[in-house]
Amino acid sequence: MKNQINLRTLKDQASRVLRGVREEGREYVITYHGKPVAVLRPFTRADTALLRPSQIERELNNLLELGEEIAAGWTSRRTAVELVDEQRR
């Protein structure tokens, strides 16, 4: 059974609890008014694999937004591709 810890204890002893998770691999069920609401456990390689696609998607969205911002302010009659091509010659 995982260790249970209520929210007040977690707040009061956060450093100790996180040290246990980090150094000893402990897992905790966080309770609120006696009911389980979350699990605190070590971050695993599987977690990293799940996180990476969301980071990539976020960065791609940022690039798309930047492209739209550049396009909205573009004043030249020639495209960026044409201008870069001219610079390469």
PDB file of N, CA and C in Angstrom:
ATOM      1  N   MET A   1       0.853  -1.188   0.000  1.00  0.00           N
ATOM      2  CA  MET A   1       0.000   0.000   0.000  1.00  0.00           C
ATOM      3  C   MET A   1       0.896   1.247   0.000  1.00  0.00           C
ATOM      4  N   LYS A   2       0.534   2.202  -0.806  1.00  0.00           N
ATOM      5  CA  LYS A   2       1.272   3.454  -0.847  1.00  0.00           C
ATOM      6  C   LYS A   2       1.015   4.238   0.432  1.00  0.00           C
ATOM      7  N   ASN A   3       1.987   5.056   0.795  1.00  0.00           N
ATOM      8  CA  ASN A   3       1.811   5.933   1.952  1.00  0.00           C
ATOM      9  C   ASN A   3       0.721   6.941   1.660  1.00  0.00           C
ATOM     10  N   GLN A   4      -0.153   7.166   2.628  1.00  0.00           N
ATOM     11  CA  GLN A   4      -1.180   8.200   2.481  1.00  0.00           C
ATOM     12  C   GLN A   4      -0.738   9.427   3.257  1.00  0.00           C
ATOM     13  N   ILE A   5      -0.996  10.583   2.673  1.00  0.00           N
ATOM     14  CA  ILE A   5      -0.615  11.831   3.325  1.00  0.00           C
ATOM     15  C   ILE A   5      -1.673  12.872   2.989  1.00  0.00           C
ATOM     16  N   ASN A   6      -2.126  13.585   4.020  1.00  0.00           N
ATOM     17  CA  ASN A   6      -3.153  14.588   3.752  1.00  0.00           C
ATOM     18  C   ASN A   6      -2.498  15.881   3.273  1.00  0.00           C
ATOM     19  N   LEU A   7      -3.306  16.746   2.722  1.00  0.00           N
ATOM     20  CA  LEU A   7      -2.811  17.979   2.120  1.00  0.00           C
ATOM     21  C   LEU A   7      -2.060  18.851   3.122  1.00  0.00           C
ATOM     22  N   ARG A   8      -2.547  18.965   4.322  1.00  0.00           N
ATOM     23  CA  ARG A   8      -1.893  19.796   5.337  1.00  0.00           C
ATOM     24  C   ARG A   8      -0.482  19.269   5.635  1.00  0.00           C
ATOM     25  N   THR A   9      -0.365  17.963   5.809  1.00  0.00           N
ATOM     26  CA  THR A   9       0.942  17.375   6.078  1.00  0.00           C
ATOM     27  C   THR A   9       1.871  17.566   4.889  1.00  0.00           C
ATOM     28  N   LEU A  10       1.338  17.408   3.688  1.00  0.00           N
ATOM     29  CA  LEU A  10       2.145  17.621   2.491  1.00  0.00           C
ATOM     30  C   LEU A  10       2.682  19.050   2.460  1.00  0.00           C
ATOM     31  N   LYS A  11       1.818  20.014   2.752  1.00  0.00           N
ATOM     32  CA  LYS A  11       2.245  21.412   2.760  1.00  0.00           C
ATOM     33  C   LYS A  11       3.308  21.665   3.829  1.00  0.00           C
ATOM     34  N   ASP A  12       3.119  21.089   5.001  1.00  0.00           N
ATOM     35  CA  ASP A  12       4.049  21.312   6.111  1.00  0.00           C
ATOM     36  C   ASP A  12       5.378  20.583   5.937  1.00  0.00           C
ATOM     37  N   GLN A  13       5.356  19.460   5.230  1.00  0.00           N
ATOM     38  CA  GLN A  13       6.554  18.623   5.129  1.00  0.00           C
ATOM     39  C   GLN A  13       6.943  18.343   3.680  1.00  0.00           C
ATOM     40  N   ALA A  14       6.695  19.293   2.800  1.00  0.00           N
ATOM     41  CA  ALA A  14       6.926  19.085   1.363  1.00  0.00           C
ATOM     42  C   ALA A  14       8.365  18.670   1.062  1.00  0.00           C
ATOM     43  N   SER A  15       9.336  19.311   1.685  1.00  0.00           N
ATOM     44  CA  SER A  15      10.735  18.969   1.413  1.00  0.00           C
ATOM     45  C   SER A  15      11.043  17.521   1.796  1.00  0.00           C
ATOM     46  N   ARG A  16      10.580  17.103   2.967  1.00  0.00           N
ATOM     47  CA  ARG A  16      10.820  15.742   3.424  1.00  0.00           C
ATOM     48  C   ARG A  16      10.134  14.727   2.511  1.00  0.00           C
ATOM     49  N   VAL A  17       8.904  15.026   2.136  1.00  0.00           N
ATOM     50  CA  VAL A  17       8.146  14.116   1.269  1.00  0.00           C
ATOM     51  C   VAL A  17       8.826  13.998  -0.094  1.00  0.00           C
ATOM     52  N   LEU A  18       9.209  15.116  -0.686  1.00  0.00           N
ATOM     53  CA  LEU A  18       9.858  15.067  -1.995  1.00  0.00           C
ATOM     54  C   LEU A  18      11.223  14.379  -1.931  1.00  0.00           C
ATOM     55  N   ARG A  19      11.918  14.542  -0.843  1.00  0.00           N
ATOM     56  CA  ARG A  19      13.193  13.847  -0.675  1.00  0.00           C
ATOM     57  C   ARG A  19      12.956  12.333  -0.670  1.00  0.00           C
ATOM     58  N   GLY A  20      11.908  11.897   0.000  1.00  0.00           N
ATOM     59  CA  GLY A  20      11.567  10.470   0.011  1.00  0.00           C
ATOM     60  C   GLY A  20      11.223   9.954  -1.373  1.00  0.00           C
ATOM     61  N   VAL A  21      10.504  10.763  -2.146  1.00  0.00           N
ATOM     62  CA  VAL A  21      10.160  10.373  -3.517  1.00  0.00           C
ATOM     63  C   VAL A  21      11.425  10.309  -4.360  1.00  0.00           C
ATOM     64  N   ARG A  22      12.243  11.338  -4.273  1.00  0.00           N
ATOM     65  CA  ARG A  22      13.441  11.441  -5.103  1.00  0.00           C
ATOM     66  C   ARG A  22      14.504  10.410  -4.727  1.00  0.00           C
ATOM     67  N   GLU A  23      14.791  10.291  -3.451  1.00  0.00           N
ATOM     68  CA  GLU A  23      15.918   9.457  -3.023  1.00  0.00           C
ATOM     69  C   GLU A  23      15.556   8.005  -2.754  1.00  0.00           C
ATOM     70  N   GLU A  24      14.333   7.748  -2.328  1.00  0.00           N
ATOM     71  CA  GLU A  24      13.947   6.391  -1.942  1.00  0.00           C
ATOM     72  C   GLU A  24      12.871   5.784  -2.835  1.00  0.00           C
ATOM     73  N   GLY A  25      12.375   6.571  -3.804  1.00  0.00           N
ATOM     74  CA  GLY A  25      11.344   6.056  -4.704  1.00  0.00           C
ATOM     75  C   GLY A  25       9.997   5.868  -4.049  1.00  0.00           C
ATOM     76  N   ARG A  26       9.759   6.553  -2.942  1.00  0.00           N
ATOM     77  CA  ARG A  26       8.471   6.421  -2.247  1.00  0.00           C
ATOM     78  C   ARG A  26       7.333   6.970  -3.108  1.00  0.00           C
ATOM     79  N   GLU A  27       6.162   6.409  -2.883  1.00  0.00           N
ATOM     80  CA  GLU A  27       4.940   6.879  -3.525  1.00  0.00           C
ATOM     81  C   GLU A  27       3.945   7.262  -2.443  1.00  0.00           C
ATOM     82  N   TYR A  28       3.215   8.323  -2.699  1.00  0.00           N
ATOM     83  CA  TYR A  28       2.226   8.811  -1.737  1.00  0.00           C
ATOM     84  C   TYR A  28       0.876   8.994  -2.414  1.00  0.00           C
ATOM     85  N   VAL A  29      -0.171   8.650  -1.697  1.00  0.00           N
ATOM     86  CA  VAL A  29      -1.525   9.000  -2.097  1.00  0.00           C
ATOM     87  C   VAL A  29      -1.869  10.260  -1.307  1.00  0.00           C
ATOM     88  N   ILE A  30      -2.152  11.328  -2.027  1.00  0.00           N
ATOM     89  CA  ILE A  30      -2.497  12.599  -1.391  1.00  0.00           C
ATOM     90  C   ILE A  30      -4.002  12.606  -1.153  1.00  0.00           C
ATOM     91  N   THR A  31      -4.391  12.911   0.081  1.00  0.00           N
ATOM     92  CA  THR A  31      -5.819  12.936   0.404  1.00  0.00           C
ATOM     93  C   THR A  31      -6.273  14.353   0.741  1.00  0.00           C
ATOM     94  N   TYR A  32      -7.539  14.596   0.491  1.00  0.00           N
ATOM     95  CA  TYR A  32      -8.173  15.869   0.825  1.00  0.00           C
ATOM     96  C   TYR A  32      -9.495  15.535   1.497  1.00  0.00           C
ATOM     97  N   HIS A  33      -9.640  15.936   2.711  1.00  0.00           N
ATOM     98  CA  HIS A  33     -10.814  15.576   3.520  1.00  0.00           C
ATOM     99  C   HIS A  33     -11.001  14.057   3.558  1.00  0.00           C
ATOM    100  N   GLY A  34      -9.872  13.346   3.664  1.00  0.00           N
ATOM    101  CA  GLY A  34      -9.907  11.895   3.802  1.00  0.00           C
ATOM    102  C   GLY A  34     -10.089  11.116   2.522  1.00  0.00           C
ATOM    103  N   LYS A  35     -10.258  11.803   1.395  1.00  0.00           N
ATOM    104  CA  LYS A  35     -10.476  11.109   0.118  1.00  0.00           C
ATOM    105  C   LYS A  35      -9.235  11.256  -0.769  1.00  0.00           C
ATOM    106  N   PRO A  36      -8.821  10.188  -1.418  1.00  0.00           N
ATOM    107  CA  PRO A  36      -7.659  10.259  -2.314  1.00  0.00           C
ATOM    108  C   PRO A  36      -7.937  11.183  -3.504  1.00  0.00           C
ATOM    109  N   VAL A  37      -6.982  12.075  -3.798  1.00  0.00           N
ATOM    110  CA  VAL A  37      -7.149  12.996  -4.927  1.00  0.00           C
ATOM    111  C   VAL A  37      -5.982  12.953  -5.909  1.00  0.00           C
ATOM    112  N   ALA A  38      -4.829  12.447  -5.486  1.00  0.00           N
ATOM    113  CA  ALA A  38      -3.666  12.426  -6.368  1.00  0.00           C
ATOM    114  C   ALA A  38      -2.662  11.399  -5.874  1.00  0.00           C
ATOM    115  N   VAL A  39      -1.740  11.079  -6.773  1.00  0.00           N
ATOM    116  CA  VAL A  39      -0.629  10.195  -6.424  1.00  0.00           C
ATOM    117  C   VAL A  39       0.657  10.951  -6.718  1.00  0.00           C
ATOM    118  N   LEU A  40       1.564  10.954  -5.773  1.00  0.00           N
ATOM    119  CA  LEU A  40       2.877  11.562  -5.933  1.00  0.00           C
ATOM    120  C   LEU A  40       3.871  10.412  -6.002  1.00  0.00           C
ATOM    121  N   ARG A  41       4.594  10.317  -7.119  1.00  0.00           N
ATOM    122  CA  ARG A  41       5.522   9.213  -7.323  1.00  0.00           C
ATOM    123  C   ARG A  41       6.709   9.706  -8.123  1.00  0.00           C
ATOM    124  N   PRO A  42       7.785   8.917  -8.168  1.00  0.00           N
ATOM    125  CA  PRO A  42       8.942   9.316  -8.957  1.00  0.00           C
ATOM    126  C   PRO A  42       8.597   9.441 -10.442  1.00  0.00           C
ATOM    127  N   PHE A  43       9.262  10.367 -11.100  1.00  0.00           N
ATOM    128  CA  PHE A  43       9.114  10.571 -12.539  1.00  0.00           C
ATOM    129  C   PHE A  43       9.901   9.475 -13.249  1.00  0.00           C
ATOM    130  N   THR A  44       9.260   8.785 -14.193  1.00  0.00           N
ATOM    131  CA  THR A  44       9.884   7.635 -14.854  1.00  0.00           C
ATOM    132  C   THR A  44      10.218   7.933 -16.317  1.00  0.00           C
ATOM    133  N   ARG A  45      10.935   7.007 -16.928  1.00  0.00           N
ATOM    134  CA  ARG A  45      11.220   7.140 -18.365  1.00  0.00           C
ATOM    135  C   ARG A  45       9.935   7.133 -19.177  1.00  0.00           C
ATOM    136  N   ALA A  46       8.950   6.366 -18.751  1.00  0.00           N
ATOM    137  CA  ALA A  46       7.661   6.337 -19.448  1.00  0.00           C
ATOM    138  C   ALA A  46       6.996   7.714 -19.386  1.00  0.00           C
ATOM    139  N   ASP A  47       7.147   8.409 -18.262  1.00  0.00           N
ATOM    140  CA  ASP A  47       6.605   9.761 -18.142  1.00  0.00           C
ATOM    141  C   ASP A  47       7.291  10.695 -19.133  1.00  0.00           C
ATOM    142  N   THR A  48       8.598  10.542 -19.276  1.00  0.00           N
ATOM    143  CA  THR A  48       9.357  11.365 -20.213  1.00  0.00           C
ATOM    144  C   THR A  48       8.862  11.139 -21.632  1.00  0.00           C
ATOM    145  N   ALA A  49       8.610   9.881 -21.978  1.00  0.00           N
ATOM    146  CA  ALA A  49       8.131   9.556 -23.326  1.00  0.00           C
ATOM    147  C   ALA A  49       6.773  10.197 -23.587  1.00  0.00           C
ATOM    148  N   LEU A  50       5.926  10.288 -22.574  1.00  0.00           N
ATOM    149  CA  LEU A  50       4.618  10.919 -22.736  1.00  0.00           C
ATOM    150  C   LEU A  50       4.743  12.435 -22.831  1.00  0.00           C
ATOM    151  N   LEU A  51       5.713  13.007 -22.137  1.00  0.00           N
ATOM    152  CA  LEU A  51       5.888  14.446 -22.105  1.00  0.00           C
ATOM    153  C   LEU A  51       6.434  14.978 -23.417  1.00  0.00           C
ATOM    154  N   ARG A  52       7.354  14.271 -24.030  1.00  0.00           N
ATOM    155  CA  ARG A  52       8.033  14.755 -25.225  1.00  0.00           C
ATOM    156  C   ARG A  52       7.081  15.126 -26.360  1.00  0.00           C
ATOM    157  N   PRO A  53       6.123  14.282 -26.752  1.00  0.00           N
ATOM    158  CA  PRO A  53       5.223  14.684 -27.849  1.00  0.00           C
ATOM    159  C   PRO A  53       4.462  15.981 -27.551  1.00  0.00           C
ATOM    160  N   SER A  54       4.075  16.196 -26.314  1.00  0.00           N
ATOM    161  CA  SER A  54       3.356  17.431 -26.002  1.00  0.00           C
ATOM    162  C   SER A  54       4.277  18.634 -26.115  1.00  0.00           C
ATOM    163  N   GLN A  55       5.558  18.471 -25.770  1.00  0.00           N
ATOM    164  CA  GLN A  55       6.514  19.565 -25.929  1.00  0.00           C
ATOM    165  C   GLN A  55       6.717  19.886 -27.397  1.00  0.00           C
ATOM    166  N   ILE A  56       6.836  18.861 -28.224  1.00  0.00           N
ATOM    167  CA  ILE A  56       7.014  19.064 -29.659  1.00  0.00           C
ATOM    168  C   ILE A  56       5.802  19.779 -30.239  1.00  0.00           C
ATOM    169  N   GLU A  57       4.622  19.334 -29.864  1.00  0.00           N
ATOM    170  CA  GLU A  57       3.399  19.960 -30.368  1.00  0.00           C
ATOM    171  C   GLU A  57       3.322  21.428 -29.949  1.00  0.00           C
ATOM    172  N   ARG A  58       3.701  21.723 -28.720  1.00  0.00           N
ATOM    173  CA  ARG A  58       3.683  23.098 -28.223  1.00  0.00           C
ATOM    174  C   ARG A  58       4.658  23.978 -29.020  1.00  0.00           C
ATOM    175  N   GLU A  59       5.853  23.453 -29.293  1.00  0.00           N
ATOM    176  CA  GLU A  59       6.847  24.214 -30.054  1.00  0.00           C
ATOM    177  C   GLU A  59       6.409  24.428 -31.491  1.00  0.00           C
ATOM    178  N   LEU A  60       5.798  23.413 -32.103  1.00  0.00           N
ATOM    179  CA  LEU A  60       5.293  23.576 -33.470  1.00  0.00           C
ATOM    180  C   LEU A  60       4.196  24.633 -33.516  1.00  0.00           C
ATOM    181  N   ASN A  61       3.328  24.635 -32.531  1.00  0.00           N
ATOM    182  CA  ASN A  61       2.287  25.661 -32.473  1.00  0.00           C
ATOM    183  C   ASN A  61       2.891  27.054 -32.322  1.00  0.00           C
ATOM    184  N   ASN A  62       3.954  27.164 -31.527  1.00  0.00           N
ATOM    185  CA  ASN A  62       4.639  28.450 -31.380  1.00  0.00           C
ATOM    186  C   ASN A  62       5.213  28.920 -32.712  1.00  0.00           C
ATOM    187  N   LEU A  63       5.804  27.990 -33.478  1.00  0.00           N
ATOM    188  CA  LEU A  63       6.354  28.340 -34.780  1.00  0.00           C
ATOM    189  C   LEU A  63       5.261  28.770 -35.758  1.00  0.00           C
ATOM    190  N   LEU A  64       4.138  28.086 -35.728  1.00  0.00           N
ATOM    191  CA  LEU A  64       3.025  28.461 -36.599  1.00  0.00           C
ATOM    192  C   LEU A  64       2.511  29.856 -36.260  1.00  0.00           C
ATOM    193  N   GLU A  65       2.396  30.149 -34.979  1.00  0.00           N
ATOM    194  CA  GLU A  65       1.958  31.479 -34.561  1.00  0.00           C
ATOM    195  C   GLU A  65       2.950  32.550 -35.001  1.00  0.00           C
ATOM    196  N   LEU A  66       4.233  32.261 -34.882  1.00  0.00           N
ATOM    197  CA  LEU A  66       5.253  33.198 -35.320  1.00  0.00           C
ATOM    198  C   LEU A  66       5.160  33.430 -36.827  1.00  0.00           C
ATOM    199  N   GLY A  67       4.948  32.356 -37.582  1.00  0.00           N
ATOM    200  CA  GLY A  67       4.781  32.478 -39.035  1.00  0.00           C
ATOM    201  C   GLY A  67       3.594  33.362 -39.396  1.00  0.00           C
ATOM    202  N   GLU A  68       2.497  33.205 -38.680  1.00  0.00           N
ATOM    203  CA  GLU A  68       1.314  34.040 -38.930  1.00  0.00           C
ATOM    204  C   GLU A  68       1.593  35.498 -38.592  1.00  0.00           C
ATOM    205  N   GLU A  69       2.328  35.723 -37.521  1.00  0.00           N
ATOM    206  CA  GLU A  69       2.672  37.083 -37.121  1.00  0.00           C
ATOM    207  C   GLU A  69       3.572  37.748 -38.178  1.00  0.00           C
ATOM    208  N   ILE A  70       4.540  37.004 -38.674  1.00  0.00           N
ATOM    209  CA  ILE A  70       5.422  37.537 -39.720  1.00  0.00           C
ATOM    210  C   ILE A  70       4.625  37.820 -40.985  1.00  0.00           C
ATOM    211  N   ALA A  71       3.761  36.888 -41.361  1.00  0.00           N
ATOM    212  CA  ALA A  71       2.947  37.063 -42.570  1.00  0.00           C
ATOM    213  C   ALA A  71       2.044  38.285 -42.465  1.00  0.00           C
ATOM    214  N   ALA A  72       1.498  38.512 -41.276  1.00  0.00           N
ATOM    215  CA  ALA A  72       0.597  39.657 -41.091  1.00  0.00           C
ATOM    216  C   ALA A  72       1.329  40.984 -41.266  1.00  0.00           C
ATOM    217  N   GLY A  73       2.616  41.026 -40.941  1.00  0.00           N
ATOM    218  CA  GLY A  73       3.370  42.262 -41.059  1.00  0.00           C
ATOM    219  C   GLY A  73       4.206  42.359 -42.324  1.00  0.00           C
ATOM    220  N   TRP A  74       4.092  41.382 -43.233  1.00  0.00           N
ATOM    221  CA  TRP A  74       4.922  41.349 -44.445  1.00  0.00           C
ATOM    222  C   TRP A  74       4.498  42.455 -45.391  1.00  0.00           C
ATOM    223  N   THR A  75       5.446  43.295 -45.811  1.00  0.00           N
ATOM    224  CA  THR A  75       5.108  44.440 -46.667  1.00  0.00           C
ATOM    225  C   THR A  75       5.706  44.346 -48.066  1.00  0.00           C
ATOM    226  N   SER A  76       6.634  43.446 -48.294  1.00  0.00           N
ATOM    227  CA  SER A  76       7.272  43.318 -49.600  1.00  0.00           C
ATOM    228  C   SER A  76       6.331  42.651 -50.596  1.00  0.00           C
ATOM    229  N   ARG A  77       6.478  43.036 -51.864  1.00  0.00           N
ATOM    230  CA  ARG A  77       5.681  42.384 -52.909  1.00  0.00           C
ATOM    231  C   ARG A  77       6.259  41.012 -53.251  1.00  0.00           C
ATOM    232  N   ARG A  78       7.522  40.813 -52.897  1.00  0.00           N
ATOM    233  CA  ARG A  78       8.158  39.526 -53.165  1.00  0.00           C
ATOM    234  C   ARG A  78       8.064  38.647 -51.917  1.00  0.00           C
ATOM    235  N   THR A  79       8.085  37.344 -52.156  1.00  0.00           N
ATOM    236  CA  THR A  79       8.002  36.407 -51.040  1.00  0.00           C
ATOM    237  C   THR A  79       9.364  36.294 -50.359  1.00  0.00           C
ATOM    238  N   ALA A  80       9.364  35.748 -49.166  1.00  0.00           N
ATOM    239  CA  ALA A  80      10.601  35.525 -48.433  1.00  0.00           C
ATOM    240  C   ALA A  80      11.508  34.572 -49.201  1.00  0.00           C
ATOM    241  N   VAL A  81      10.936  33.587 -49.858  1.00  0.00           N
ATOM    242  CA  VAL A  81      11.713  32.635 -50.639  1.00  0.00           C
ATOM    243  C   VAL A  81      12.439  33.365 -51.773  1.00  0.00           C
ATOM    244  N   GLU A  82      11.728  34.276 -52.439  1.00  0.00           N
ATOM    245  CA  GLU A  82      12.348  35.039 -53.519  1.00  0.00           C
ATOM    246  C   GLU A  82      13.486  35.913 -52.998  1.00  0.00           C
ATOM    247  N   LEU A  83      13.285  36.546 -51.870  1.00  0.00           N
ATOM    248  CA  LEU A  83      14.316  37.407 -51.304  1.00  0.00           C
ATOM    249  C   LEU A  83      15.547  36.611 -50.859  1.00  0.00           C
ATOM    250  N   VAL A  84      15.345  35.460 -50.249  1.00  0.00           N
ATOM    251  CA  VAL A  84      16.468  34.620 -49.830  1.00  0.00           C
ATOM    252  C   VAL A  84      17.214  34.113 -51.060  1.00  0.00           C
ATOM    253  N   ASP A  85      16.467  33.716 -52.087  1.00  0.00           N
ATOM    254  CA  ASP A  85      17.084  33.237 -53.316  1.00  0.00           C
ATOM    255  C   ASP A  85      17.952  34.332 -53.948  1.00  0.00           C
ATOM    256  N   GLU A  86      17.457  35.544 -53.928  1.00  0.00           N
ATOM    257  CA  GLU A  86      18.222  36.676 -54.466  1.00  0.00           C
ATOM    258  C   GLU A  86      19.518  36.890 -53.672  1.00  0.00           C
ATOM    259  N   GLN A  87      19.455  36.749 -52.369  1.00  0.00           N
ATOM    260  CA  GLN A  87      20.634  36.925 -51.535  1.00  0.00           C
ATOM    261  C   GLN A  87      21.677  35.838 -51.798  1.00  0.00           C
ATOM    262  N   ARG A  88      21.243  34.677 -52.170  1.00  0.00           N
ATOM    263  CA  ARG A  88      22.172  33.564 -52.406  1.00  0.00           C
ATOM    264  C   ARG A  88      22.924  33.716 -53.715  1.00  0.00           C
ATOM    265  N   ARG A  89      22.393  34.505 -54.638  1.00  0.00           N
ATOM    266  CA  ARG A  89      23.055  34.677 -55.934  1.00  0.00           C
ATOM    267  C   ARG A  89      24.208  35.593 -55.853  1.00  0.00           C
TER     268      ARG A  89
END
